[in-house]
Amino acid sequence: MKKVIIAIGVLTLFSFNNKTNNNKEIAYQAIQVQQVLREELFNMYLSEGTLEAESRYVDAKYVESLLQEIIDAN
Protein backbone atom coordinates (compact mmCIF):
# COMPACT_ATOMS: atom_id res chain seq x y z
CA MET A 1 0.00 0.00 0.00
CA LYS A 2 2.92 2.30 0.71
CA LYS A 3 4.07 1.95 -2.94
CA VAL A 4 0.62 2.99 -4.15
CA ILE A 5 0.58 6.11 -2.01
CA ILE A 6 4.10 7.12 -3.02
CA ALA A 7 3.38 6.63 -6.73
CA ILE A 8 0.18 8.66 -6.55
CA GLY A 9 1.90 11.39 -4.54
CA VAL A 10 4.76 11.73 -7.02
CA LEU A 11 2.47 11.82 -10.05
CA THR A 12 0.22 14.34 -8.34
CA LEU A 13 3.14 16.63 -7.52
CA PHE A 14 4.36 16.51 -11.11
CA SER A 15 0.90 17.44 -12.34
CA PHE A 16 1.05 20.76 -10.46
CA ASN A 17 4.31 21.89 -12.09
CA ASN A 18 2.66 23.32 -15.19
CA LYS A 19 0.31 26.18 -14.36
CA THR A 20 -0.98 26.40 -17.94
CA ASN A 21 -2.73 23.02 -17.82
CA ASN A 22 -6.12 22.97 -19.43
CA ASN A 23 -8.94 20.72 -18.25
CA LYS A 24 -8.17 17.97 -20.75
CA GLU A 25 -4.53 17.80 -19.67
CA ILE A 26 -5.55 17.65 -16.02
CA ALA A 27 -8.03 14.84 -16.75
CA TYR A 28 -5.36 12.96 -18.70
CA GLN A 29 -2.95 13.25 -15.76
CA ALA A 30 -5.69 12.04 -13.41
CA ILE A 31 -6.27 8.98 -15.57
CA GLN A 32 -2.53 8.22 -15.52
CA VAL A 33 -2.57 8.28 -11.72
CA GLN A 34 -5.68 6.11 -11.70
CA GLN A 35 -4.04 3.57 -14.03
CA VAL A 36 -1.11 3.20 -11.62
CA LEU A 37 -3.51 2.80 -8.73
CA ARG A 38 -5.56 0.21 -10.63
CA GLU A 39 -2.46 -1.82 -11.48
CA GLU A 40 -1.29 -1.80 -7.86
CA LEU A 41 -4.74 -2.80 -6.63
CA PHE A 42 -4.84 -5.62 -9.17
CA ASN A 43 -1.52 -6.94 -7.88
CA MET A 44 -2.84 -6.70 -4.32
CA TYR A 45 -5.97 -8.58 -5.40
CA LEU A 46 -3.87 -11.34 -6.95
CA SER A 47 -1.73 -11.70 -3.85
CA GLU A 48 -4.57 -11.45 -1.28
CA GLY A 49 -7.43 -12.99 -3.19
CA THR A 50 -10.02 -11.53 -0.81
CA LEU A 51 -13.40 -10.09 -1.69
CA GLU A 52 -12.34 -6.72 -0.25
CA ALA A 53 -9.27 -6.60 -2.52
CA GLU A 54 -11.43 -7.47 -5.52
CA SER A 55 -13.88 -4.72 -4.57
CA ARG A 56 -11.10 -2.12 -4.42
CA TYR A 57 -9.84 -3.23 -7.84
CA VAL A 58 -13.33 -3.07 -9.39
CA ASP A 59 -13.85 0.41 -7.90
CA ALA A 60 -10.54 1.57 -9.39
CA LYS A 61 -11.56 0.26 -12.83
CA TYR A 62 -14.88 2.10 -12.55
CA VAL A 63 -13.23 5.40 -11.63
CA GLU A 64 -10.79 4.97 -14.53
CA SER A 65 -13.69 4.43 -16.93
CA LEU A 66 -15.40 7.59 -15.66
CA LEU A 67 -12.21 9.60 -16.18
CA GLN A 68 -11.92 8.19 -19.70
CA GLU A 69 -15.49 9.31 -20.42
CA ILE A 70 -14.58 12.84 -19.32
CA ILE A 71 -11.60 12.87 -21.67
CA ASP A 72 -13.63 11.47 -24.56
CA ALA A 73 -16.42 14.02 -24.02
CA ASN A 74 -14.03 16.94 -24.40
PDB file of N, CA and C in Angstrom:
ATOM      1  N   MET A   1       0.819  -1.184   0.000  1.00  0.00           N
ATOM      2  CA  MET A   1       0.000   0.000   0.000  1.00  0.00           C
ATOM      3  C   MET A   1       0.867   1.252   0.000  1.00  0.00           C
ATOM      4  N   LYS A   2       2.027   1.150   0.646  1.00  0.00           N
ATOM      5  CA  LYS A   2       2.925   2.299   0.706  1.00  0.00           C
ATOM      6  C   LYS A   2       3.393   2.685  -0.699  1.00  0.00           C
ATOM      7  N   LYS A   3       3.638   1.674  -1.569  1.00  0.00           N
ATOM      8  CA  LYS A   3       4.068   1.955  -2.939  1.00  0.00           C
ATOM      9  C   LYS A   3       2.992   2.704  -3.708  1.00  0.00           C
ATOM     10  N   VAL A   4       1.739   2.341  -3.465  1.00  0.00           N
ATOM     11  CA  VAL A   4       0.624   2.987  -4.150  1.00  0.00           C
ATOM     12  C   VAL A   4       0.558   4.459  -3.767  1.00  0.00           C
ATOM     13  N   ILE A   5       0.674   4.736  -2.486  1.00  0.00           N
ATOM     14  CA  ILE A   5       0.576   6.114  -2.009  1.00  0.00           C
ATOM     15  C   ILE A   5       1.738   6.952  -2.520  1.00  0.00           C
ATOM     16  N   ILE A   6       2.931   6.380  -2.530  1.00  0.00           N
ATOM     17  CA  ILE A   6       4.104   7.117  -3.020  1.00  0.00           C
ATOM     18  C   ILE A   6       3.964   7.416  -4.506  1.00  0.00           C
ATOM     19  N   ALA A   7       3.535   6.419  -5.283  1.00  0.00           N
ATOM     20  CA  ALA A   7       3.379   6.629  -6.735  1.00  0.00           C
ATOM     21  C   ALA A   7       2.341   7.702  -7.028  1.00  0.00           C
ATOM     22  N   ILE A   8       1.223   7.654  -6.329  1.00  0.00           N
ATOM     23  CA  ILE A   8       0.180   8.657  -6.545  1.00  0.00           C
ATOM     24  C   ILE A   8       0.668  10.030  -6.127  1.00  0.00           C
ATOM     25  N   GLY A   9       1.380  10.105  -5.012  1.00  0.00           N
ATOM     26  CA  GLY A   9       1.899  11.388  -4.542  1.00  0.00           C
ATOM     27  C   GLY A   9       2.863  12.020  -5.522  1.00  0.00           C
ATOM     28  N   VAL A  10       3.774  11.209  -6.066  1.00  0.00           N
ATOM     29  CA  VAL A  10       4.760  11.733  -7.017  1.00  0.00           C
ATOM     30  C   VAL A  10       4.075  12.213  -8.287  1.00  0.00           C
ATOM     31  N   LEU A  11       3.171  11.408  -8.825  1.00  0.00           N
ATOM     32  CA  LEU A  11       2.468  11.818 -10.045  1.00  0.00           C
ATOM     33  C   LEU A  11       1.621  13.061  -9.818  1.00  0.00           C
ATOM     34  N   THR A  12       1.026  13.161  -8.656  1.00  0.00           N
ATOM     35  CA  THR A  12       0.224  14.341  -8.341  1.00  0.00           C
ATOM     36  C   THR A  12       1.078  15.592  -8.257  1.00  0.00           C
ATOM     37  N   LEU A  13       2.242  15.477  -7.616  1.00  0.00           N
ATOM     38  CA  LEU A  13       3.135  16.629  -7.515  1.00  0.00           C
ATOM     39  C   LEU A  13       3.624  17.082  -8.884  1.00  0.00           C
ATOM     40  N   PHE A  14       3.930  16.135  -9.764  1.00  0.00           N
ATOM     41  CA  PHE A  14       4.363  16.509 -11.109  1.00  0.00           C
ATOM     42  C   PHE A  14       3.245  17.191 -11.892  1.00  0.00           C
ATOM     43  N   SER A  15       2.013  16.847 -11.605  1.00  0.00           N
ATOM     44  CA  SER A  15       0.900  17.438 -12.345  1.00  0.00           C
ATOM     45  C   SER A  15       0.701  18.910 -11.998  1.00  0.00           C
ATOM     46  N   PHE A  16       1.212  19.371 -10.855  1.00  0.00           N
ATOM     47  CA  PHE A  16       1.049  20.760 -10.462  1.00  0.00           C
ATOM     48  C   PHE A  16       2.179  21.657 -10.956  1.00  0.00           C
ATOM     49  N   ASN A  17       3.186  21.091 -11.606  1.00  0.00           N
ATOM     50  CA  ASN A  17       4.311  21.892 -12.094  1.00  0.00           C
ATOM     51  C   ASN A  17       3.896  22.886 -13.164  1.00  0.00           C
ATOM     52  N   ASN A  18       3.047  22.497 -14.058  1.00  0.00           N
ATOM     53  CA  ASN A  18       2.661  23.321 -15.194  1.00  0.00           C
ATOM     54  C   ASN A  18       1.382  24.084 -14.863  1.00  0.00           C
ATOM     55  N   LYS A  19       1.471  25.379 -14.726  1.00  0.00           N
ATOM     56  CA  LYS A  19       0.309  26.180 -14.357  1.00  0.00           C
ATOM     57  C   LYS A  19      -0.608  26.472 -15.546  1.00  0.00           C
ATOM     58  N   THR A  20      -0.180  26.133 -16.747  1.00  0.00           N
ATOM     59  CA  THR A  20      -0.981  26.396 -17.935  1.00  0.00           C
ATOM     60  C   THR A  20      -1.787  25.172 -18.365  1.00  0.00           C
ATOM     61  N   ASN A  21      -1.964  24.218 -17.481  1.00  0.00           N
ATOM     62  CA  ASN A  21      -2.731  23.017 -17.822  1.00  0.00           C
ATOM     63  C   ASN A  21      -4.179  23.385 -18.124  1.00  0.00           C
ATOM     64  N   ASN A  22      -4.695  22.811 -19.185  1.00  0.00           N
ATOM     65  CA  ASN A  22      -6.121  22.974 -19.428  1.00  0.00           C
ATOM     66  C   ASN A  22      -6.840  21.764 -18.840  1.00  0.00           C
ATOM     67  N   ASN A  23      -8.152  21.779 -18.884  1.00  0.00           N
ATOM     68  CA  ASN A  23      -8.936  20.725 -18.251  1.00  0.00           C
ATOM     69  C   ASN A  23      -8.651  19.345 -18.828  1.00  0.00           C
ATOM     70  N   LYS A  24      -8.432  19.265 -20.133  1.00  0.00           N
ATOM     71  CA  LYS A  24      -8.172  17.967 -20.752  1.00  0.00           C
ATOM     72  C   LYS A  24      -6.831  17.402 -20.288  1.00  0.00           C
ATOM     73  N   GLU A  25      -5.829  18.256 -20.152  1.00  0.00           N
ATOM     74  CA  GLU A  25      -4.528  17.799 -19.671  1.00  0.00           C
ATOM     75  C   GLU A  25      -4.623  17.326 -18.225  1.00  0.00           C
ATOM     76  N   ILE A  26      -5.379  18.036 -17.423  1.00  0.00           N
ATOM     77  CA  ILE A  26      -5.553  17.647 -16.020  1.00  0.00           C
ATOM     78  C   ILE A  26      -6.274  16.305 -15.930  1.00  0.00           C
ATOM     79  N   ALA A  27      -7.304  16.116 -16.739  1.00  0.00           N
ATOM     80  CA  ALA A  27      -8.028  14.842 -16.746  1.00  0.00           C
ATOM     81  C   ALA A  27      -7.126  13.713 -17.225  1.00  0.00           C
ATOM     82  N   TYR A  28      -6.278  13.980 -18.204  1.00  0.00           N
ATOM     83  CA  TYR A  28      -5.360  12.964 -18.699  1.00  0.00           C
ATOM     84  C   TYR A  28      -4.358  12.575 -17.606  1.00  0.00           C
ATOM     85  N   GLN A  29      -3.870  13.547 -16.855  1.00  0.00           N
ATOM     86  CA  GLN A  29      -2.950  13.247 -15.756  1.00  0.00           C
ATOM     87  C   GLN A  29      -3.672  12.455 -14.660  1.00  0.00           C
ATOM     88  N   ALA A  30      -4.918  12.776 -14.419  1.00  0.00           N
ATOM     89  CA  ALA A  30      -5.685  12.045 -13.415  1.00  0.00           C
ATOM     90  C   ALA A  30      -5.873  10.594 -13.827  1.00  0.00           C
ATOM     91  N   ILE A  31      -6.096  10.361 -15.109  1.00  0.00           N
ATOM     92  CA  ILE A  31      -6.267   8.980 -15.565  1.00  0.00           C
ATOM     93  C   ILE A  31      -4.949   8.211 -15.486  1.00  0.00           C
ATOM     94  N   GLN A  32      -3.826   8.888 -15.676  1.00  0.00           N
ATOM     95  CA  GLN A  32      -2.533   8.218 -15.523  1.00  0.00           C
ATOM     96  C   GLN A  32      -2.333   7.778 -14.076  1.00  0.00           C
ATOM     97  N   VAL A  33      -2.674   8.632 -13.140  1.00  0.00           N
ATOM     98  CA  VAL A  33      -2.567   8.281 -11.720  1.00  0.00           C
ATOM     99  C   VAL A  33      -3.508   7.116 -11.413  1.00  0.00           C
ATOM    100  N   GLN A  34      -4.709   7.162 -11.956  1.00  0.00           N
ATOM    101  CA  GLN A  34      -5.680   6.108 -11.705  1.00  0.00           C
ATOM    102  C   GLN A  34      -5.222   4.779 -12.284  1.00  0.00           C
ATOM    103  N   GLN A  35      -4.541   4.798 -13.438  1.00  0.00           N
ATOM    104  CA  GLN A  35      -4.040   3.565 -14.025  1.00  0.00           C
ATOM    105  C   GLN A  35      -2.986   2.916 -13.127  1.00  0.00           C
ATOM    106  N   VAL A  36      -2.115   3.723 -12.547  1.00  0.00           N
ATOM    107  CA  VAL A  36      -1.105   3.196 -11.622  1.00  0.00           C
ATOM    108  C   VAL A  36      -1.794   2.586 -10.408  1.00  0.00           C
ATOM    109  N   LEU A  37      -2.778   3.301  -9.876  1.00  0.00           N
ATOM    110  CA  LEU A  37      -3.511   2.796  -8.726  1.00  0.00           C
ATOM    111  C   LEU A  37      -4.214   1.481  -9.061  1.00  0.00           C
ATOM    112  N   ARG A  38      -4.851   1.420 -10.218  1.00  0.00           N
ATOM    113  CA  ARG A  38      -5.564   0.206 -10.627  1.00  0.00           C
ATOM    114  C   ARG A  38      -4.607  -0.974 -10.737  1.00  0.00           C
ATOM    115  N   GLU A  39      -3.439  -0.747 -11.335  1.00  0.00           N
ATOM    116  CA  GLU A  39      -2.459  -1.823 -11.480  1.00  0.00           C
ATOM    117  C   GLU A  39      -1.978  -2.327 -10.116  1.00  0.00           C
ATOM    118  N   GLU A  40      -1.726  -1.403  -9.201  1.00  0.00           N
ATOM    119  CA  GLU A  40      -1.289  -1.800  -7.861  1.00  0.00           C
ATOM    120  C   GLU A  40      -2.401  -2.557  -7.132  1.00  0.00           C
ATOM    121  N   LEU A  41      -3.633  -2.103  -7.273  1.00  0.00           N
ATOM    122  CA  LEU A  41      -4.743  -2.798  -6.632  1.00  0.00           C
ATOM    123  C   LEU A  41      -4.977  -4.171  -7.242  1.00  0.00           C
ATOM    124  N   PHE A  42      -4.725  -4.313  -8.538  1.00  0.00           N
ATOM    125  CA  PHE A  42      -4.844  -5.624  -9.175  1.00  0.00           C
ATOM    126  C   PHE A  42      -3.800  -6.581  -8.613  1.00  0.00           C
ATOM    127  N   ASN A  43      -2.573  -6.089  -8.455  1.00  0.00           N
ATOM    128  CA  ASN A  43      -1.520  -6.937  -7.878  1.00  0.00           C
ATOM    129  C   ASN A  43      -1.857  -7.325  -6.437  1.00  0.00           C
ATOM    130  N   MET A  44      -2.427  -6.387  -5.688  1.00  0.00           N
ATOM    131  CA  MET A  44      -2.844  -6.700  -4.317  1.00  0.00           C
ATOM    132  C   MET A  44      -3.966  -7.733  -4.329  1.00  0.00           C
ATOM    133  N   TYR A  45      -4.882  -7.613  -5.278  1.00  0.00           N
ATOM    134  CA  TYR A  45      -5.975  -8.580  -5.398  1.00  0.00           C
ATOM    135  C   TYR A  45      -5.427  -9.966  -5.713  1.00  0.00           C
ATOM    136  N   LEU A  46      -4.455 -10.045  -6.616  1.00  0.00           N
ATOM    137  CA  LEU A  46      -3.872 -11.337  -6.947  1.00  0.00           C
ATOM    138  C   LEU A  46      -3.156 -11.964  -5.755  1.00  0.00           C
ATOM    139  N   SER A  47      -2.476 -11.147  -4.982  1.00  0.00           N
ATOM    140  CA  SER A  47      -1.734 -11.699  -3.846  1.00  0.00           C
ATOM    141  C   SER A  47      -2.647 -12.031  -2.662  1.00  0.00           C
ATOM    142  N   GLU A  48      -3.678 -11.218  -2.415  1.00  0.00           N
ATOM    143  CA  GLU A  48      -4.570 -11.453  -1.281  1.00  0.00           C
ATOM    144  C   GLU A  48      -5.703 -12.411  -1.627  1.00  0.00           C
ATOM    145  N   GLY A  49      -6.327 -12.156  -2.760  1.00  0.00           N
ATOM    146  CA  GLY A  49      -7.434 -12.993  -3.193  1.00  0.00           C
ATOM    147  C   GLY A  49      -8.712 -12.827  -2.383  1.00  0.00           C
ATOM    148  N   THR A  50      -8.832 -11.733  -1.637  1.00  0.00           N
ATOM    149  CA  THR A  50     -10.021 -11.530  -0.813  1.00  0.00           C
ATOM    150  C   THR A  50     -11.089 -10.759  -1.585  1.00  0.00           C
ATOM    151  N   LEU A  51     -12.298 -10.819  -1.075  1.00  0.00           N
ATOM    152  CA  LEU A  51     -13.403 -10.090  -1.689  1.00  0.00           C
ATOM    153  C   LEU A  51     -13.199  -8.584  -1.561  1.00  0.00           C
ATOM    154  N   GLU A  52     -12.622  -8.145  -0.450  1.00  0.00           N
ATOM    155  CA  GLU A  52     -12.342  -6.721  -0.246  1.00  0.00           C
ATOM    156  C   GLU A  52     -11.325  -6.207  -1.264  1.00  0.00           C
ATOM    157  N   ALA A  53     -10.286  -6.991  -1.536  1.00  0.00           N
ATOM    158  CA  ALA A  53      -9.274  -6.601  -2.521  1.00  0.00           C
ATOM    159  C   ALA A  53      -9.885  -6.543  -3.915  1.00  0.00           C
ATOM    160  N   GLU A  54     -10.759  -7.485  -4.219  1.00  0.00           N
ATOM    161  CA  GLU A  54     -11.431  -7.470  -5.518  1.00  0.00           C
ATOM    162  C   GLU A  54     -12.326  -6.242  -5.646  1.00  0.00           C
ATOM    163  N   SER A  55     -13.008  -5.888  -4.568  1.00  0.00           N
ATOM    164  CA  SER A  55     -13.885  -4.723  -4.575  1.00  0.00           C
ATOM    165  C   SER A  55     -13.094  -3.445  -4.822  1.00  0.00           C
ATOM    166  N   ARG A  56     -11.932  -3.304  -4.191  1.00  0.00           N
ATOM    167  CA  ARG A  56     -11.096  -2.120  -4.416  1.00  0.00           C
ATOM    168  C   ARG A  56     -10.644  -2.050  -5.871  1.00  0.00           C
ATOM    169  N   TYR A  57     -10.281  -3.188  -6.440  1.00  0.00           N
ATOM    170  CA  TYR A  57      -9.844  -3.231  -7.838  1.00  0.00           C
ATOM    171  C   TYR A  57     -10.988  -2.851  -8.781  1.00  0.00           C
ATOM    172  N   VAL A  58     -12.171  -3.385  -8.537  1.00  0.00           N
ATOM    173  CA  VAL A  58     -13.332  -3.071  -9.385  1.00  0.00           C
ATOM    174  C   VAL A  58     -13.678  -1.583  -9.282  1.00  0.00           C
ATOM    175  N   ASP A  59     -13.602  -1.024  -8.078  1.00  0.00           N
ATOM    176  CA  ASP A  59     -13.851   0.406  -7.903  1.00  0.00           C
ATOM    177  C   ASP A  59     -12.849   1.246  -8.684  1.00  0.00           C
ATOM    178  N   ALA A  60     -11.580   0.834  -8.662  1.00  0.00           N
ATOM    179  CA  ALA A  60     -10.542   1.570  -9.390  1.00  0.00           C
ATOM    180  C   ALA A  60     -10.797   1.523 -10.899  1.00  0.00           C
ATOM    181  N   LYS A  61     -11.235   0.361 -11.403  1.00  0.00           N
ATOM    182  CA  LYS A  61     -11.556   0.259 -12.831  1.00  0.00           C
ATOM    183  C   LYS A  61     -12.726   1.169 -13.184  1.00  0.00           C
ATOM    184  N   TYR A  62     -13.715   1.248 -12.296  1.00  0.00           N
ATOM    185  CA  TYR A  62     -14.880   2.096 -12.546  1.00  0.00           C
ATOM    186  C   TYR A  62     -14.487   3.570 -12.596  1.00  0.00           C
ATOM    187  N   VAL A  63     -13.674   4.007 -11.650  1.00  0.00           N
ATOM    188  CA  VAL A  63     -13.230   5.402 -11.632  1.00  0.00           C
ATOM    189  C   VAL A  63     -12.419   5.707 -12.887  1.00  0.00           C
ATOM    190  N   GLU A  64     -11.576   4.768 -13.300  1.00  0.00           N
ATOM    191  CA  GLU A  64     -10.789   4.970 -14.525  1.00  0.00           C
ATOM    192  C   GLU A  64     -11.703   5.111 -15.737  1.00  0.00           C
ATOM    193  N   SER A  65     -12.760   4.316 -15.797  1.00  0.00           N
ATOM    194  CA  SER A  65     -13.686   4.427 -16.935  1.00  0.00           C
ATOM    195  C   SER A  65     -14.415   5.766 -16.923  1.00  0.00           C
ATOM    196  N   LEU A  66     -14.750   6.272 -15.747  1.00  0.00           N
ATOM    197  CA  LEU A  66     -15.396   7.590 -15.662  1.00  0.00           C
ATOM    198  C   LEU A  66     -14.451   8.694 -16.125  1.00  0.00           C
ATOM    199  N   LEU A  67     -13.195   8.610 -15.726  1.00  0.00           N
ATOM    200  CA  LEU A  67     -12.213   9.600 -16.175  1.00  0.00           C
ATOM    201  C   LEU A  67     -12.040   9.536 -17.693  1.00  0.00           C
ATOM    202  N   GLN A  68     -12.053   8.335 -18.244  1.00  0.00           N
ATOM    203  CA  GLN A  68     -11.917   8.186 -19.698  1.00  0.00           C
ATOM    204  C   GLN A  68     -13.113   8.812 -20.410  1.00  0.00           C
ATOM    205  N   GLU A  69     -14.309   8.678 -19.840  1.00  0.00           N
ATOM    206  CA  GLU A  69     -15.492   9.314 -20.416  1.00  0.00           C
ATOM    207  C   GLU A  69     -15.361  10.821 -20.428  1.00  0.00           C
ATOM    208  N   ILE A  70     -14.784  11.391 -19.377  1.00  0.00           N
ATOM    209  CA  ILE A  70     -14.584  12.840 -19.317  1.00  0.00           C
ATOM    210  C   ILE A  70     -13.632  13.271 -20.420  1.00  0.00           C
ATOM    211  N   ILE A  71     -12.551  12.535 -20.620  1.00  0.00           N
ATOM    212  CA  ILE A  71     -11.596  12.868 -21.668  1.00  0.00           C
ATOM    213  C   ILE A  71     -12.242  12.752 -23.047  1.00  0.00           C
ATOM    214  N   ASP A  72     -12.992  11.684 -23.255  1.00  0.00           N
ATOM    215  CA  ASP A  72     -13.626  11.472 -24.555  1.00  0.00           C
ATOM    216  C   ASP A  72     -14.695  12.519 -24.857  1.00  0.00           C
ATOM    217  N   ALA A  73     -15.361  13.022 -23.817  1.00  0.00           N
ATOM    218  CA  ALA A  73     -16.421  14.022 -24.018  1.00  0.00           C
ATOM    219  C   ALA A  73     -15.862  15.367 -24.452  1.00  0.00           C
ATOM    220  N   ASN A  74     -14.628  15.653 -24.033  1.00  0.00           N
ATOM    221  CA  ASN A  74     -14.034  16.943 -24.398  1.00  0.00           C
ATOM    222  C   ASN A  74     -13.388  16.777 -25.708  1.00  0.00           C
TER     223      ASN A  74
END
